[in-house]
């Protein structure tokens, strides 16, 4: 079982780098994880760093797809679902066009 990130304060860049390194190390040891999974996680990390919020990150499909260079909506949803099922991410869809969905990165 993985612990979800609970920090909701500004983090120093060294802390961001350390957290990202631990996440990459954890995911790279998992044979189920592909490059697209990593691209989605890196996009969510990028958004979290930009917003300085690591507890619950507000994301939009368009934003994550743009950062991770995923062109297909079906591919995005497939790999996002796999990240949720494997426990790397908690995801709560918004269904509101102006409000982003909530994502929590889990270690």
Protein backbone atom coordinates (compact mmCIF):
# COMPACT_ATOMS: atom_id res chain seq x y z
CA UNK A 1 0.00 0.00 0.00
CA UNK A 2 1.30 3.44 -0.89
CA UNK A 3 1.07 6.61 1.14
CA UNK A 4 -0.45 9.62 -0.56
CA UNK A 5 1.38 12.92 -0.48
CA UNK A 6 0.02 15.13 2.25
CA UNK A 7 2.10 18.28 2.00
CA UNK A 8 0.09 21.29 0.99
CA UNK A 9 2.76 23.93 1.54
CA UNK A 10 5.41 25.45 -0.66
CA UNK A 11 8.28 23.08 -1.08
CA UNK A 12 11.88 23.95 -1.84
CA UNK A 13 13.20 22.87 -5.20
CA UNK A 14 15.48 20.32 -3.48
CA UNK A 15 12.45 18.72 -1.84
CA UNK A 16 10.63 18.66 -5.19
CA UNK A 17 13.62 16.98 -6.83
CA UNK A 18 13.93 14.42 -4.04
CA UNK A 19 10.25 13.61 -4.13
CA UNK A 20 10.28 13.29 -7.90
CA UNK A 21 13.38 11.07 -7.77
CA UNK A 22 11.71 8.74 -5.24
CA UNK A 23 8.60 8.55 -7.41
CA UNK A 24 10.60 7.75 -10.55
CA UNK A 25 12.61 5.12 -8.68
CA UNK A 26 9.43 3.48 -7.38
CA UNK A 27 7.74 3.46 -10.79
CA UNK A 28 10.81 2.34 -12.75
CA UNK A 29 10.97 -0.85 -10.70
CA UNK A 30 7.40 -1.75 -11.62
CA UNK A 31 7.20 -3.87 -14.81
CA UNK A 32 3.59 -2.76 -15.47
CA UNK A 33 4.58 0.91 -15.85
CA UNK A 34 5.16 2.18 -19.38
CA UNK A 35 6.49 5.48 -20.71
CA UNK A 36 2.96 6.89 -21.06
CA UNK A 37 2.29 6.27 -17.37
CA UNK A 38 5.49 8.16 -16.54
CA UNK A 39 4.52 11.00 -18.89
CA UNK A 40 1.17 11.44 -17.13
CA UNK A 41 2.79 11.40 -13.68
CA UNK A 42 5.45 13.89 -14.79
CA UNK A 43 2.72 16.18 -16.15
CA UNK A 44 0.85 16.03 -12.84
CA UNK A 45 4.10 16.71 -10.96
CA UNK A 46 4.71 19.68 -13.23
CA UNK A 47 1.26 21.08 -12.45
CA UNK A 48 1.78 20.44 -8.72
CA UNK A 49 5.08 22.31 -8.75
CA UNK A 50 3.57 25.23 -10.70
CA UNK A 51 0.67 25.55 -8.26
CA UNK A 52 2.80 24.75 -5.17
CA UNK A 53 0.15 22.30 -4.04
CA UNK A 54 1.04 18.66 -3.40
CA UNK A 55 -1.90 17.43 -1.36
CA UNK A 56 -4.60 17.65 -3.99
CA UNK A 57 -3.67 18.82 -7.45
CA UNK A 58 -6.36 20.37 -9.66
CA UNK A 59 -5.79 19.00 -13.16
CA UNK A 60 -7.60 19.17 -16.46
CA UNK A 61 -7.44 16.55 -19.18
CA UNK A 62 -6.40 19.11 -21.76
CA UNK A 63 -3.58 20.41 -19.56
CA UNK A 64 -2.18 16.95 -18.72
CA UNK A 65 -2.50 15.74 -22.30
CA UNK A 66 -0.68 18.83 -23.57
CA UNK A 67 2.22 18.51 -21.15
CA UNK A 68 2.57 14.74 -21.62
CA UNK A 69 2.14 14.91 -25.44
CA UNK A 70 -0.72 12.43 -25.50
CA UNK A 71 -3.00 12.99 -28.50
CA UNK A 72 -5.76 10.45 -27.89
CA UNK A 73 -8.40 10.95 -25.19
CA UNK A 74 -8.91 7.18 -25.02
CA UNK A 75 -5.19 6.62 -24.40
CA UNK A 76 -5.17 9.28 -21.69
CA UNK A 77 -8.12 7.72 -19.87
CA UNK A 78 -6.77 4.19 -20.24
CA UNK A 79 -3.41 4.96 -18.69
CA UNK A 80 -4.85 7.28 -16.03
CA UNK A 81 -7.17 4.44 -14.99
CA UNK A 82 -4.21 2.05 -14.81
CA UNK A 83 -2.33 4.49 -12.56
CA UNK A 84 -5.35 4.60 -10.24
CA UNK A 85 -5.72 0.81 -10.23
CA UNK A 86 -2.02 0.27 -9.46
CA UNK A 87 -2.18 2.76 -6.59
CA UNK A 88 0.16 5.45 -7.90
CA UNK A 89 -2.62 8.02 -8.12
CA UNK A 90 -5.95 8.83 -6.53
CA UNK A 91 -8.27 10.56 -8.96
CA UNK A 92 -11.62 12.26 -8.51
CA UNK A 93 -13.22 13.47 -11.76
CA UNK A 94 -14.97 16.82 -11.73
CA UNK A 95 -17.42 16.61 -14.67
CA UNK A 96 -17.59 20.42 -14.53
CA UNK A 97 -16.10 22.16 -17.58
CA UNK A 98 -14.50 24.97 -15.55
CA UNK A 99 -13.37 23.06 -12.45
CA UNK A 100 -10.44 20.67 -12.77
CA UNK A 101 -10.45 17.11 -11.52
CA UNK A 102 -8.60 16.27 -8.31
CA UNK A 103 -5.51 14.10 -8.33
CA UNK A 104 -3.44 12.94 -5.36
CA UNK A 105 0.01 11.43 -6.01
CA UNK A 106 0.62 8.32 -3.87
CA UNK A 107 4.02 6.89 -2.92
